[in-house]
């Protein structure tokens, strides 16, 4: 999930839990 979050949100490839990950990144 952090890999997806760090790369920038891609609406075509949202990772599970990306919304809850923001505070840890």
PDBML (XML) file of the C-alpha atoms, coordinates in Angstrom:
<?xml version="1.0" encoding="UTF-8" ?>
<PDBx:datablock datablockName="MODEL"
   xmlns:PDBx="http://pdbml.pdb.org/schema/pdbx-v50.xsd"
   xmlns:xsi="http://www.w3.org/2001/XMLSchema-instance"
   xsi:schemaLocation="http://pdbml.pdb.org/schema/pdbx-v50.xsd pdbx-v50.xsd">
   <PDBx:atom_siteCategory>
      <PDBx:atom_site id="1">
         <PDBx:B_iso_or_equiv>0.00</PDBx:B_iso_or_equiv>
         <PDBx:Cartn_x>0.000</PDBx:Cartn_x>
         <PDBx:Cartn_y>0.000</PDBx:Cartn_y>
         <PDBx:Cartn_z>0.000</PDBx:Cartn_z>
         <PDBx:auth_asym_id>A</PDBx:auth_asym_id>
         <PDBx:auth_atom_id>CA</PDBx:auth_atom_id>
         <PDBx:auth_comp_id>UNK</PDBx:auth_comp_id>
         <PDBx:auth_seq_id>1</PDBx:auth_seq_id>
         <PDBx:group_PDB>ATOM</PDBx:group_PDB>
         <PDBx:label_alt_id xsi:nil="true" />
         <PDBx:label_asym_id>A</PDBx:label_asym_id>
         <PDBx:label_atom_id>CA</PDBx:label_atom_id>
         <PDBx:label_comp_id>UNK</PDBx:label_comp_id>
         <PDBx:label_entity_id>1</PDBx:label_entity_id>
         <PDBx:label_seq_id>1</PDBx:label_seq_id>
         <PDBx:occupancy>1.00</PDBx:occupancy>
         <PDBx:pdbx_PDB_model_num>1</PDBx:pdbx_PDB_model_num>
         <PDBx:type_symbol>C</PDBx:type_symbol>
      </PDBx:atom_site>
      <PDBx:atom_site id="2">
         <PDBx:B_iso_or_equiv>0.00</PDBx:B_iso_or_equiv>
         <PDBx:Cartn_x>2.822</PDBx:Cartn_x>
         <PDBx:Cartn_y>2.414</PDBx:Cartn_y>
         <PDBx:Cartn_z>0.848</PDBx:Cartn_z>
         <PDBx:auth_asym_id>A</PDBx:auth_asym_id>
         <PDBx:auth_atom_id>CA</PDBx:auth_atom_id>
         <PDBx:auth_comp_id>UNK</PDBx:auth_comp_id>
         <PDBx:auth_seq_id>2</PDBx:auth_seq_id>
         <PDBx:group_PDB>ATOM</PDBx:group_PDB>
         <PDBx:label_alt_id xsi:nil="true" />
         <PDBx:label_asym_id>A</PDBx:label_asym_id>
         <PDBx:label_atom_id>CA</PDBx:label_atom_id>
         <PDBx:label_comp_id>UNK</PDBx:label_comp_id>
         <PDBx:label_entity_id>1</PDBx:label_entity_id>
         <PDBx:label_seq_id>2</PDBx:label_seq_id>
         <PDBx:occupancy>1.00</PDBx:occupancy>
         <PDBx:pdbx_PDB_model_num>1</PDBx:pdbx_PDB_model_num>
         <PDBx:type_symbol>C</PDBx:type_symbol>
      </PDBx:atom_site>
      <PDBx:atom_site id="3">
         <PDBx:B_iso_or_equiv>0.00</PDBx:B_iso_or_equiv>
         <PDBx:Cartn_x>4.359</PDBx:Cartn_x>
         <PDBx:Cartn_y>1.792</PDBx:Cartn_y>
         <PDBx:Cartn_z>-2.581</PDBx:Cartn_z>
         <PDBx:auth_asym_id>A</PDBx:auth_asym_id>
         <PDBx:auth_atom_id>CA</PDBx:auth_atom_id>
         <PDBx:auth_comp_id>UNK</PDBx:auth_comp_id>
         <PDBx:auth_seq_id>3</PDBx:auth_seq_id>
         <PDBx:group_PDB>ATOM</PDBx:group_PDB>
         <PDBx:label_alt_id xsi:nil="true" />
         <PDBx:label_asym_id>A</PDBx:label_asym_id>
         <PDBx:label_atom_id>CA</PDBx:label_atom_id>
         <PDBx:label_comp_id>UNK</PDBx:label_comp_id>
         <PDBx:label_entity_id>1</PDBx:label_entity_id>
         <PDBx:label_seq_id>3</PDBx:label_seq_id>
         <PDBx:occupancy>1.00</PDBx:occupancy>
         <PDBx:pdbx_PDB_model_num>1</PDBx:pdbx_PDB_model_num>
         <PDBx:type_symbol>C</PDBx:type_symbol>
      </PDBx:atom_site>
      <PDBx:atom_site id="4">
         <PDBx:B_iso_or_equiv>0.00</PDBx:B_iso_or_equiv>
         <PDBx:Cartn_x>1.114</PDBx:Cartn_x>
         <PDBx:Cartn_y>2.930</PDBx:Cartn_y>
         <PDBx:Cartn_z>-4.196</PDBx:Cartn_z>
         <PDBx:auth_asym_id>A</PDBx:auth_asym_id>
         <PDBx:auth_atom_id>CA</PDBx:auth_atom_id>
         <PDBx:auth_comp_id>UNK</PDBx:auth_comp_id>
         <PDBx:auth_seq_id>4</PDBx:auth_seq_id>
         <PDBx:group_PDB>ATOM</PDBx:group_PDB>
         <PDBx:label_alt_id xsi:nil="true" />
         <PDBx:label_asym_id>A</PDBx:label_asym_id>
         <PDBx:label_atom_id>CA</PDBx:label_atom_id>
         <PDBx:label_comp_id>UNK</PDBx:label_comp_id>
         <PDBx:label_entity_id>1</PDBx:label_entity_id>
         <PDBx:label_seq_id>4</PDBx:label_seq_id>
         <PDBx:occupancy>1.00</PDBx:occupancy>
         <PDBx:pdbx_PDB_model_num>1</PDBx:pdbx_PDB_model_num>
         <PDBx:type_symbol>C</PDBx:type_symbol>
      </PDBx:atom_site>
      <PDBx:atom_site id="5">
         <PDBx:B_iso_or_equiv>0.00</PDBx:B_iso_or_equiv>
         <PDBx:Cartn_x>0.718</PDBx:Cartn_x>
         <PDBx:Cartn_y>5.881</PDBx:Cartn_y>
         <PDBx:Cartn_z>-1.852</PDBx:Cartn_z>
         <PDBx:auth_asym_id>A</PDBx:auth_asym_id>
         <PDBx:auth_atom_id>CA</PDBx:auth_atom_id>
         <PDBx:auth_comp_id>UNK</PDBx:auth_comp_id>
         <PDBx:auth_seq_id>5</PDBx:auth_seq_id>
         <PDBx:group_PDB>ATOM</PDBx:group_PDB>
         <PDBx:label_alt_id xsi:nil="true" />
         <PDBx:label_asym_id>A</PDBx:label_asym_id>
         <PDBx:label_atom_id>CA</PDBx:label_atom_id>
         <PDBx:label_comp_id>UNK</PDBx:label_comp_id>
         <PDBx:label_entity_id>1</PDBx:label_entity_id>
         <PDBx:label_seq_id>5</PDBx:label_seq_id>
         <PDBx:occupancy>1.00</PDBx:occupancy>
         <PDBx:pdbx_PDB_model_num>1</PDBx:pdbx_PDB_model_num>
         <PDBx:type_symbol>C</PDBx:type_symbol>
      </PDBx:atom_site>
      <PDBx:atom_site id="6">
         <PDBx:B_iso_or_equiv>0.00</PDBx:B_iso_or_equiv>
         <PDBx:Cartn_x>4.301</PDBx:Cartn_x>
         <PDBx:Cartn_y>7.053</PDBx:Cartn_y>
         <PDBx:Cartn_z>-2.357</PDBx:Cartn_z>
         <PDBx:auth_asym_id>A</PDBx:auth_asym_id>
         <PDBx:auth_atom_id>CA</PDBx:auth_atom_id>
         <PDBx:auth_comp_id>UNK</PDBx:auth_comp_id>
         <PDBx:auth_seq_id>6</PDBx:auth_seq_id>
         <PDBx:group_PDB>ATOM</PDBx:group_PDB>
         <PDBx:label_alt_id xsi:nil="true" />
         <PDBx:label_asym_id>A</PDBx:label_asym_id>
         <PDBx:label_atom_id>CA</PDBx:label_atom_id>
         <PDBx:label_comp_id>UNK</PDBx:label_comp_id>
         <PDBx:label_entity_id>1</PDBx:label_entity_id>
         <PDBx:label_seq_id>6</PDBx:label_seq_id>
         <PDBx:occupancy>1.00</PDBx:occupancy>
         <PDBx:pdbx_PDB_model_num>1</PDBx:pdbx_PDB_model_num>
         <PDBx:type_symbol>C</PDBx:type_symbol>
      </PDBx:atom_site>
      <PDBx:atom_site id="7">
         <PDBx:B_iso_or_equiv>0.00</PDBx:B_iso_or_equiv>
         <PDBx:Cartn_x>4.101</PDBx:Cartn_x>
         <PDBx:Cartn_y>6.784</PDBx:Cartn_y>
         <PDBx:Cartn_z>-6.137</PDBx:Cartn_z>
         <PDBx:auth_asym_id>A</PDBx:auth_asym_id>
         <PDBx:auth_atom_id>CA</PDBx:auth_atom_id>
         <PDBx:auth_comp_id>UNK</PDBx:auth_comp_id>
         <PDBx:auth_seq_id>7</PDBx:auth_seq_id>
         <PDBx:group_PDB>ATOM</PDBx:group_PDB>
         <PDBx:label_alt_id xsi:nil="true" />
         <PDBx:label_asym_id>A</PDBx:label_asym_id>
         <PDBx:label_atom_id>CA</PDBx:label_atom_id>
         <PDBx:label_comp_id>UNK</PDBx:label_comp_id>
         <PDBx:label_entity_id>1</PDBx:label_entity_id>
         <PDBx:label_seq_id>7</PDBx:label_seq_id>
         <PDBx:occupancy>1.00</PDBx:occupancy>
         <PDBx:pdbx_PDB_model_num>1</PDBx:pdbx_PDB_model_num>
         <PDBx:type_symbol>C</PDBx:type_symbol>
      </PDBx:atom_site>
      <PDBx:atom_site id="8">
         <PDBx:B_iso_or_equiv>0.00</PDBx:B_iso_or_equiv>
         <PDBx:Cartn_x>1.066</PDBx:Cartn_x>
         <PDBx:Cartn_y>9.039</PDBx:Cartn_y>
         <PDBx:Cartn_z>-6.069</PDBx:Cartn_z>
         <PDBx:auth_asym_id>A</PDBx:auth_asym_id>
         <PDBx:auth_atom_id>CA</PDBx:auth_atom_id>
         <PDBx:auth_comp_id>UNK</PDBx:auth_comp_id>
         <PDBx:auth_seq_id>8</PDBx:auth_seq_id>
         <PDBx:group_PDB>ATOM</PDBx:group_PDB>
         <PDBx:label_alt_id xsi:nil="true" />
         <PDBx:label_asym_id>A</PDBx:label_asym_id>
         <PDBx:label_atom_id>CA</PDBx:label_atom_id>
         <PDBx:label_comp_id>UNK</PDBx:label_comp_id>
         <PDBx:label_entity_id>1</PDBx:label_entity_id>
         <PDBx:label_seq_id>8</PDBx:label_seq_id>
         <PDBx:occupancy>1.00</PDBx:occupancy>
         <PDBx:pdbx_PDB_model_num>1</PDBx:pdbx_PDB_model_num>
         <PDBx:type_symbol>C</PDBx:type_symbol>
      </PDBx:atom_site>
      <PDBx:atom_site id="9">
         <PDBx:B_iso_or_equiv>0.00</PDBx:B_iso_or_equiv>
         <PDBx:Cartn_x>-2.524</PDBx:Cartn_x>
         <PDBx:Cartn_y>7.880</PDBx:Cartn_y>
         <PDBx:Cartn_z>-6.094</PDBx:Cartn_z>
         <PDBx:auth_asym_id>A</PDBx:auth_asym_id>
         <PDBx:auth_atom_id>CA</PDBx:auth_atom_id>
         <PDBx:auth_comp_id>UNK</PDBx:auth_comp_id>
         <PDBx:auth_seq_id>9</PDBx:auth_seq_id>
         <PDBx:group_PDB>ATOM</PDBx:group_PDB>
         <PDBx:label_alt_id xsi:nil="true" />
         <PDBx:label_asym_id>A</PDBx:label_asym_id>
         <PDBx:label_atom_id>CA</PDBx:label_atom_id>
         <PDBx:label_comp_id>UNK</PDBx:label_comp_id>
         <PDBx:label_entity_id>1</PDBx:label_entity_id>
         <PDBx:label_seq_id>9</PDBx:label_seq_id>
         <PDBx:occupancy>1.00</PDBx:occupancy>
         <PDBx:pdbx_PDB_model_num>1</PDBx:pdbx_PDB_model_num>
         <PDBx:type_symbol>C</PDBx:type_symbol>
      </PDBx:atom_site>
      <PDBx:atom_site id="10">
         <PDBx:B_iso_or_equiv>0.00</PDBx:B_iso_or_equiv>
         <PDBx:Cartn_x>-3.423</PDBx:Cartn_x>
         <PDBx:Cartn_y>6.241</PDBx:Cartn_y>
         <PDBx:Cartn_z>-9.374</PDBx:Cartn_z>
         <PDBx:auth_asym_id>A</PDBx:auth_asym_id>
         <PDBx:auth_atom_id>CA</PDBx:auth_atom_id>
         <PDBx:auth_comp_id>UNK</PDBx:auth_comp_id>
         <PDBx:auth_seq_id>10</PDBx:auth_seq_id>
         <PDBx:group_PDB>ATOM</PDBx:group_PDB>
         <PDBx:label_alt_id xsi:nil="true" />
         <PDBx:label_asym_id>A</PDBx:label_asym_id>
         <PDBx:label_atom_id>CA</PDBx:label_atom_id>
         <PDBx:label_comp_id>UNK</PDBx:label_comp_id>
         <PDBx:label_entity_id>1</PDBx:label_entity_id>
         <PDBx:label_seq_id>10</PDBx:label_seq_id>
         <PDBx:occupancy>1.00</PDBx:occupancy>
         <PDBx:pdbx_PDB_model_num>1</PDBx:pdbx_PDB_model_num>
         <PDBx:type_symbol>C</PDBx:type_symbol>
      </PDBx:atom_site>
      <PDBx:atom_site id="11">
         <PDBx:B_iso_or_equiv>0.00</PDBx:B_iso_or_equiv>
         <PDBx:Cartn_x>-7.194</PDBx:Cartn_x>
         <PDBx:Cartn_y>5.862</PDBx:Cartn_y>
         <PDBx:Cartn_z>-9.687</PDBx:Cartn_z>
         <PDBx:auth_asym_id>A</PDBx:auth_asym_id>
         <PDBx:auth_atom_id>CA</PDBx:auth_atom_id>
         <PDBx:auth_comp_id>UNK</PDBx:auth_comp_id>
         <PDBx:auth_seq_id>11</PDBx:auth_seq_id>
         <PDBx:group_PDB>ATOM</PDBx:group_PDB>
         <PDBx:label_alt_id xsi:nil="true" />
         <PDBx:label_asym_id>A</PDBx:label_asym_id>
         <PDBx:label_atom_id>CA</PDBx:label_atom_id>
         <PDBx:label_comp_id>UNK</PDBx:label_comp_id>
         <PDBx:label_entity_id>1</PDBx:label_entity_id>
         <PDBx:label_seq_id>11</PDBx:label_seq_id>
         <PDBx:occupancy>1.00</PDBx:occupancy>
         <PDBx:pdbx_PDB_model_num>1</PDBx:pdbx_PDB_model_num>
         <PDBx:type_symbol>C</PDBx:type_symbol>
      </PDBx:atom_site>
      <PDBx:atom_site id="12">
         <PDBx:B_iso_or_equiv>0.00</PDBx:B_iso_or_equiv>
         <PDBx:Cartn_x>-6.671</PDBx:Cartn_x>
         <PDBx:Cartn_y>2.839</PDBx:Cartn_y>
         <PDBx:Cartn_z>-11.945</PDBx:Cartn_z>
         <PDBx:auth_asym_id>A</PDBx:auth_asym_id>
         <PDBx:auth_atom_id>CA</PDBx:auth_atom_id>
         <PDBx:auth_comp_id>UNK</PDBx:auth_comp_id>
         <PDBx:auth_seq_id>12</PDBx:auth_seq_id>
         <PDBx:group_PDB>ATOM</PDBx:group_PDB>
         <PDBx:label_alt_id xsi:nil="true" />
         <PDBx:label_asym_id>A</PDBx:label_asym_id>
         <PDBx:label_atom_id>CA</PDBx:label_atom_id>
         <PDBx:label_comp_id>UNK</PDBx:label_comp_id>
         <PDBx:label_entity_id>1</PDBx:label_entity_id>
         <PDBx:label_seq_id>12</PDBx:label_seq_id>
         <PDBx:occupancy>1.00</PDBx:occupancy>
         <PDBx:pdbx_PDB_model_num>1</PDBx:pdbx_PDB_model_num>
         <PDBx:type_symbol>C</PDBx:type_symbol>
      </PDBx:atom_site>
      <PDBx:atom_site id="13">
         <PDBx:B_iso_or_equiv>0.00</PDBx:B_iso_or_equiv>
         <PDBx:Cartn_x>-4.595</PDBx:Cartn_x>
         <PDBx:Cartn_y>1.017</PDBx:Cartn_y>
         <PDBx:Cartn_z>-9.289</PDBx:Cartn_z>
         <PDBx:auth_asym_id>A</PDBx:auth_asym_id>
         <PDBx:auth_atom_id>CA</PDBx:auth_atom_id>
         <PDBx:auth_comp_id>UNK</PDBx:auth_comp_id>
         <PDBx:auth_seq_id>13</PDBx:auth_seq_id>
         <PDBx:group_PDB>ATOM</PDBx:group_PDB>
         <PDBx:label_alt_id xsi:nil="true" />
         <PDBx:label_asym_id>A</PDBx:label_asym_id>
         <PDBx:label_atom_id>CA</PDBx:label_atom_id>
         <PDBx:label_comp_id>UNK</PDBx:label_comp_id>
         <PDBx:label_entity_id>1</PDBx:label_entity_id>
         <PDBx:label_seq_id>13</PDBx:label_seq_id>
         <PDBx:occupancy>1.00</PDBx:occupancy>
         <PDBx:pdbx_PDB_model_num>1</PDBx:pdbx_PDB_model_num>
         <PDBx:type_symbol>C</PDBx:type_symbol>
      </PDBx:atom_site>
      <PDBx:atom_site id="14">
         <PDBx:B_iso_or_equiv>0.00</PDBx:B_iso_or_equiv>
         <PDBx:Cartn_x>-5.840</PDBx:Cartn_x>
         <PDBx:Cartn_y>1.939</PDBx:Cartn_y>
         <PDBx:Cartn_z>-5.802</PDBx:Cartn_z>
         <PDBx:auth_asym_id>A</PDBx:auth_asym_id>
         <PDBx:auth_atom_id>CA</PDBx:auth_atom_id>
         <PDBx:auth_comp_id>UNK</PDBx:auth_comp_id>
         <PDBx:auth_seq_id>14</PDBx:auth_seq_id>
         <PDBx:group_PDB>ATOM</PDBx:group_PDB>
         <PDBx:label_alt_id xsi:nil="true" />
         <PDBx:label_asym_id>A</PDBx:label_asym_id>
         <PDBx:label_atom_id>CA</PDBx:label_atom_id>
         <PDBx:label_comp_id>UNK</PDBx:label_comp_id>
         <PDBx:label_entity_id>1</PDBx:label_entity_id>
         <PDBx:label_seq_id>14</PDBx:label_seq_id>
         <PDBx:occupancy>1.00</PDBx:occupancy>
         <PDBx:pdbx_PDB_model_num>1</PDBx:pdbx_PDB_model_num>
         <PDBx:type_symbol>C</PDBx:type_symbol>
      </PDBx:atom_site>
      <PDBx:atom_site id="15">
         <PDBx:B_iso_or_equiv>0.00</PDBx:B_iso_or_equiv>
         <PDBx:Cartn_x>-4.280</PDBx:Cartn_x>
         <PDBx:Cartn_y>-0.284</PDBx:Cartn_y>
         <PDBx:Cartn_z>-3.162</PDBx:Cartn_z>
         <PDBx:auth_asym_id>A</PDBx:auth_asym_id>
         <PDBx:auth_atom_id>CA</PDBx:auth_atom_id>
         <PDBx:auth_comp_id>UNK</PDBx:auth_comp_id>
         <PDBx:auth_seq_id>15</PDBx:auth_seq_id>
         <PDBx:group_PDB>ATOM</PDBx:group_PDB>
         <PDBx:label_alt_id xsi:nil="true" />
         <PDBx:label_asym_id>A</PDBx:label_asym_id>
         <PDBx:label_atom_id>CA</PDBx:label_atom_id>
         <PDBx:label_comp_id>UNK</PDBx:label_comp_id>
         <PDBx:label_entity_id>1</PDBx:label_entity_id>
         <PDBx:label_seq_id>15</PDBx:label_seq_id>
         <PDBx:occupancy>1.00</PDBx:occupancy>
         <PDBx:pdbx_PDB_model_num>1</PDBx:pdbx_PDB_model_num>
         <PDBx:type_symbol>C</PDBx:type_symbol>
      </PDBx:atom_site>
      <PDBx:atom_site id="16">
         <PDBx:B_iso_or_equiv>0.00</PDBx:B_iso_or_equiv>
         <PDBx:Cartn_x>-6.316</PDBx:Cartn_x>
         <PDBx:Cartn_y>-1.668</PDBx:Cartn_y>
         <PDBx:Cartn_z>-0.274</PDBx:Cartn_z>
         <PDBx:auth_asym_id>A</PDBx:auth_asym_id>
         <PDBx:auth_atom_id>CA</PDBx:auth_atom_id>
         <PDBx:auth_comp_id>UNK</PDBx:auth_comp_id>
         <PDBx:auth_seq_id>16</PDBx:auth_seq_id>
         <PDBx:group_PDB>ATOM</PDBx:group_PDB>
         <PDBx:label_alt_id xsi:nil="true" />
         <PDBx:label_asym_id>A</PDBx:label_asym_id>
         <PDBx:label_atom_id>CA</PDBx:label_atom_id>
         <PDBx:label_comp_id>UNK</PDBx:label_comp_id>
         <PDBx:label_entity_id>1</PDBx:label_entity_id>
         <PDBx:label_seq_id>16</PDBx:label_seq_id>
         <PDBx:occupancy>1.00</PDBx:occupancy>
         <PDBx:pdbx_PDB_model_num>1</PDBx:pdbx_PDB_model_num>
         <PDBx:type_symbol>C</PDBx:type_symbol>
      </PDBx:atom_site>
      <PDBx:atom_site id="17">
         <PDBx:B_iso_or_equiv>0.00</PDBx:B_iso_or_equiv>
         <PDBx:Cartn_x>-6.080</PDBx:Cartn_x>
         <PDBx:Cartn_y>0.604</PDBx:Cartn_y>
         <PDBx:Cartn_z>2.749</PDBx:Cartn_z>
         <PDBx:auth_asym_id>A</PDBx:auth_asym_id>
         <PDBx:auth_atom_id>CA</PDBx:auth_atom_id>
         <PDBx:auth_comp_id>UNK</PDBx:auth_comp_id>
         <PDBx:auth_seq_id>17</PDBx:auth_seq_id>
         <PDBx:group_PDB>ATOM</PDBx:group_PDB>
         <PDBx:label_alt_id xsi:nil="true" />
         <PDBx:label_asym_id>A</PDBx:label_asym_id>
         <PDBx:label_atom_id>CA</PDBx:label_atom_id>
         <PDBx:label_comp_id>UNK</PDBx:label_comp_id>
         <PDBx:label_entity_id>1</PDBx:label_entity_id>
         <PDBx:label_seq_id>17</PDBx:label_seq_id>
         <PDBx:occupancy>1.00</PDBx:occupancy>
         <PDBx:pdbx_PDB_model_num>1</PDBx:pdbx_PDB_model_num>
         <PDBx:type_symbol>C</PDBx:type_symbol>
      </PDBx:atom_site>
      <PDBx:atom_site id="18">
         <PDBx:B_iso_or_equiv>0.00</PDBx:B_iso_or_equiv>
         <PDBx:Cartn_x>-4.448</PDBx:Cartn_x>
         <PDBx:Cartn_y>3.570</PDBx:Cartn_y>
         <PDBx:Cartn_z>1.043</PDBx:Cartn_z>
         <PDBx:auth_asym_id>A</PDBx:auth_asym_id>
         <PDBx:auth_atom_id>CA</PDBx:auth_atom_id>
         <PDBx:auth_comp_id>UNK</PDBx:auth_comp_id>
         <PDBx:auth_seq_id>18</PDBx:auth_seq_id>
         <PDBx:group_PDB>ATOM</PDBx:group_PDB>
         <PDBx:label_alt_id xsi:nil="true" />
         <PDBx:label_asym_id>A</PDBx:label_asym_id>
         <PDBx:label_atom_id>CA</PDBx:label_atom_id>
         <PDBx:label_comp_id>UNK</PDBx:label_comp_id>
         <PDBx:label_entity_id>1</PDBx:label_entity_id>
         <PDBx:label_seq_id>18</PDBx:label_seq_id>
         <PDBx:occupancy>1.00</PDBx:occupancy>
         <PDBx:pdbx_PDB_model_num>1</PDBx:pdbx_PDB_model_num>
         <PDBx:type_symbol>C</PDBx:type_symbol>
      </PDBx:atom_site>
      <PDBx:atom_site id="19">
         <PDBx:B_iso_or_equiv>0.00</PDBx:B_iso_or_equiv>
         <PDBx:Cartn_x>-6.862</PDBx:Cartn_x>
         <PDBx:Cartn_y>5.907</PDBx:Cartn_y>
         <PDBx:Cartn_z>2.838</PDBx:Cartn_z>
         <PDBx:auth_asym_id>A</PDBx:auth_asym_id>
         <PDBx:auth_atom_id>CA</PDBx:auth_atom_id>
         <PDBx:auth_comp_id>UNK</PDBx:auth_comp_id>
         <PDBx:auth_seq_id>19</PDBx:auth_seq_id>
         <PDBx:group_PDB>ATOM</PDBx:group_PDB>
         <PDBx:label_alt_id xsi:nil="true" />
         <PDBx:label_asym_id>A</PDBx:label_asym_id>
         <PDBx:label_atom_id>CA</PDBx:label_atom_id>
         <PDBx:label_comp_id>UNK</PDBx:label_comp_id>
         <PDBx:label_entity_id>1</PDBx:label_entity_id>
         <PDBx:label_seq_id>19</PDBx:label_seq_id>
         <PDBx:occupancy>1.00</PDBx:occupancy>
         <PDBx:pdbx_PDB_model_num>1</PDBx:pdbx_PDB_model_num>
         <PDBx:type_symbol>C</PDBx:type_symbol>
      </PDBx:atom_site>
      <PDBx:atom_site id="20">
         <PDBx:B_iso_or_equiv>0.00</PDBx:B_iso_or_equiv>
         <PDBx:Cartn_x>-5.723</PDBx:Cartn_x>
         <PDBx:Cartn_y>4.609</PDBx:Cartn_y>
         <PDBx:Cartn_z>6.250</PDBx:Cartn_z>
         <PDBx:auth_asym_id>A</PDBx:auth_asym_id>
         <PDBx:auth_atom_id>CA</PDBx:auth_atom_id>
         <PDBx:auth_comp_id>UNK</PDBx:auth_comp_id>
         <PDBx:auth_seq_id>20</PDBx:auth_seq_id>
         <PDBx:group_PDB>ATOM</PDBx:group_PDB>
         <PDBx:label_alt_id xsi:nil="true" />
         <PDBx:label_asym_id>A</PDBx:label_asym_id>
         <PDBx:label_atom_id>CA</PDBx:label_atom_id>
         <PDBx:label_comp_id>UNK</PDBx:label_comp_id>
         <PDBx:label_entity_id>1</PDBx:label_entity_id>
         <PDBx:label_seq_id>20</PDBx:label_seq_id>
         <PDBx:occupancy>1.00</PDBx:occupancy>
         <PDBx:pdbx_PDB_model_num>1</PDBx:pdbx_PDB_model_num>
         <PDBx:type_symbol>C</PDBx:type_symbol>
      </PDBx:atom_site>
      <PDBx:atom_site id="21">
         <PDBx:B_iso_or_equiv>0.00</PDBx:B_iso_or_equiv>
         <PDBx:Cartn_x>-2.021</PDBx:Cartn_x>
         <PDBx:Cartn_y>4.720</PDBx:Cartn_y>
         <PDBx:Cartn_z>5.281</PDBx:Cartn_z>
         <PDBx:auth_asym_id>A</PDBx:auth_asym_id>
         <PDBx:auth_atom_id>CA</PDBx:auth_atom_id>
         <PDBx:auth_comp_id>UNK</PDBx:auth_comp_id>
         <PDBx:auth_seq_id>21</PDBx:auth_seq_id>
         <PDBx:group_PDB>ATOM</PDBx:group_PDB>
         <PDBx:label_alt_id xsi:nil="true" />
         <PDBx:label_asym_id>A</PDBx:label_asym_id>
         <PDBx:label_atom_id>CA</PDBx:label_atom_id>
         <PDBx:label_comp_id>UNK</PDBx:label_comp_id>
         <PDBx:label_entity_id>1</PDBx:label_entity_id>
         <PDBx:label_seq_id>21</PDBx:label_seq_id>
         <PDBx:occupancy>1.00</PDBx:occupancy>
         <PDBx:pdbx_PDB_model_num>1</PDBx:pdbx_PDB_model_num>
         <PDBx:type_symbol>C</PDBx:type_symbol>
      </PDBx:atom_site>
      <PDBx:atom_site id="22">
         <PDBx:B_iso_or_equiv>0.00</PDBx:B_iso_or_equiv>
         <PDBx:Cartn_x>-1.626</PDBx:Cartn_x>
         <PDBx:Cartn_y>8.454</PDBx:Cartn_y>
         <PDBx:Cartn_z>4.816</PDBx:Cartn_z>
         <PDBx:auth_asym_id>A</PDBx:auth_asym_id>
         <PDBx:auth_atom_id>CA</PDBx:auth_atom_id>
         <PDBx:auth_comp_id>UNK</PDBx:auth_comp_id>
         <PDBx:auth_seq_id>22</PDBx:auth_seq_id>
         <PDBx:group_PDB>ATOM</PDBx:group_PDB>
         <PDBx:label_alt_id xsi:nil="true" />
         <PDBx:label_asym_id>A</PDBx:label_asym_id>
         <PDBx:label_atom_id>CA</PDBx:label_atom_id>
         <PDBx:label_comp_id>UNK</PDBx:label_comp_id>
         <PDBx:label_entity_id>1</PDBx:label_entity_id>
         <PDBx:label_seq_id>22</PDBx:label_seq_id>
         <PDBx:occupancy>1.00</PDBx:occupancy>
         <PDBx:pdbx_PDB_model_num>1</PDBx:pdbx_PDB_model_num>
         <PDBx:type_symbol>C</PDBx:type_symbol>
      </PDBx:atom_site>
      <PDBx:atom_site id="23">
         <PDBx:B_iso_or_equiv>0.00</PDBx:B_iso_or_equiv>
         <PDBx:Cartn_x>-0.856</PDBx:Cartn_x>
         <PDBx:Cartn_y>9.147</PDBx:Cartn_y>
         <PDBx:Cartn_z>8.462</PDBx:Cartn_z>
         <PDBx:auth_asym_id>A</PDBx:auth_asym_id>
         <PDBx:auth_atom_id>CA</PDBx:auth_atom_id>
         <PDBx:auth_comp_id>UNK</PDBx:auth_comp_id>
         <PDBx:auth_seq_id>23</PDBx:auth_seq_id>
         <PDBx:group_PDB>ATOM</PDBx:group_PDB>
         <PDBx:label_alt_id xsi:nil="true" />
         <PDBx:label_asym_id>A</PDBx:label_asym_id>
         <PDBx:label_atom_id>CA</PDBx:label_atom_id>
         <PDBx:label_comp_id>UNK</PDBx:label_comp_id>
         <PDBx:label_entity_id>1</PDBx:label_entity_id>
         <PDBx:label_seq_id>23</PDBx:label_seq_id>
         <PDBx:occupancy>1.00</PDBx:occupancy>
         <PDBx:pdbx_PDB_model_num>1</PDBx:pdbx_PDB_model_num>
         <PDBx:type_symbol>C</PDBx:type_symbol>
      </PDBx:atom_site>
      <PDBx:atom_site id="24">
         <PDBx:B_iso_or_equiv>0.00</PDBx:B_iso_or_equiv>
         <PDBx:Cartn_x>2.013</PDBx:Cartn_x>
         <PDBx:Cartn_y>6.606</PDBx:Cartn_y>
         <PDBx:Cartn_z>8.454</PDBx:Cartn_z>
         <PDBx:auth_asym_id>A</PDBx:auth_asym_id>
         <PDBx:auth_atom_id>CA</PDBx:auth_atom_id>
         <PDBx:auth_comp_id>UNK</PDBx:auth_comp_id>
         <PDBx:auth_seq_id>24</PDBx:auth_seq_id>
         <PDBx:group_PDB>ATOM</PDBx:group_PDB>
         <PDBx:label_alt_id xsi:nil="true" />
         <PDBx:label_asym_id>A</PDBx:label_asym_id>
         <PDBx:label_atom_id>CA</PDBx:label_atom_id>
         <PDBx:label_comp_id>UNK</PDBx:label_comp_id>
         <PDBx:label_entity_id>1</PDBx:label_entity_id>
         <PDBx:label_seq_id>24</PDBx:label_seq_id>
         <PDBx:occupancy>1.00</PDBx:occupancy>
         <PDBx:pdbx_PDB_model_num>1</PDBx:pdbx_PDB_model_num>
         <PDBx:type_symbol>C</PDBx:type_symbol>
      </PDBx:atom_site>
      <PDBx:atom_site id="25">
         <PDBx:B_iso_or_equiv>0.00</PDBx:B_iso_or_equiv>
         <PDBx:Cartn_x>3.663</PDBx:Cartn_x>
         <PDBx:Cartn_y>8.084</PDBx:Cartn_y>
         <PDBx:Cartn_z>5.338</PDBx:Cartn_z>
         <PDBx:auth_asym_id>A</PDBx:auth_asym_id>
         <PDBx:auth_atom_id>CA</PDBx:auth_atom_id>
         <PDBx:auth_comp_id>UNK</PDBx:auth_comp_id>
         <PDBx:auth_seq_id>25</PDBx:auth_seq_id>
         <PDBx:group_PDB>ATOM</PDBx:group_PDB>
         <PDBx:label_alt_id xsi:nil="true" />
         <PDBx:label_asym_id>A</PDBx:label_asym_id>
         <PDBx:label_atom_id>CA</PDBx:label_atom_id>
         <PDBx:label_comp_id>UNK</PDBx:label_comp_id>
         <PDBx:label_entity_id>1</PDBx:label_entity_id>
         <PDBx:label_seq_id>25</PDBx:label_seq_id>
         <PDBx:occupancy>1.00</PDBx:occupancy>
         <PDBx:pdbx_PDB_model_num>1</PDBx:pdbx_PDB_model_num>
         <PDBx:type_symbol>C</PDBx:type_symbol>
      </PDBx:atom_site>
   </PDBx:atom_siteCategory>
</PDBx:datablock>
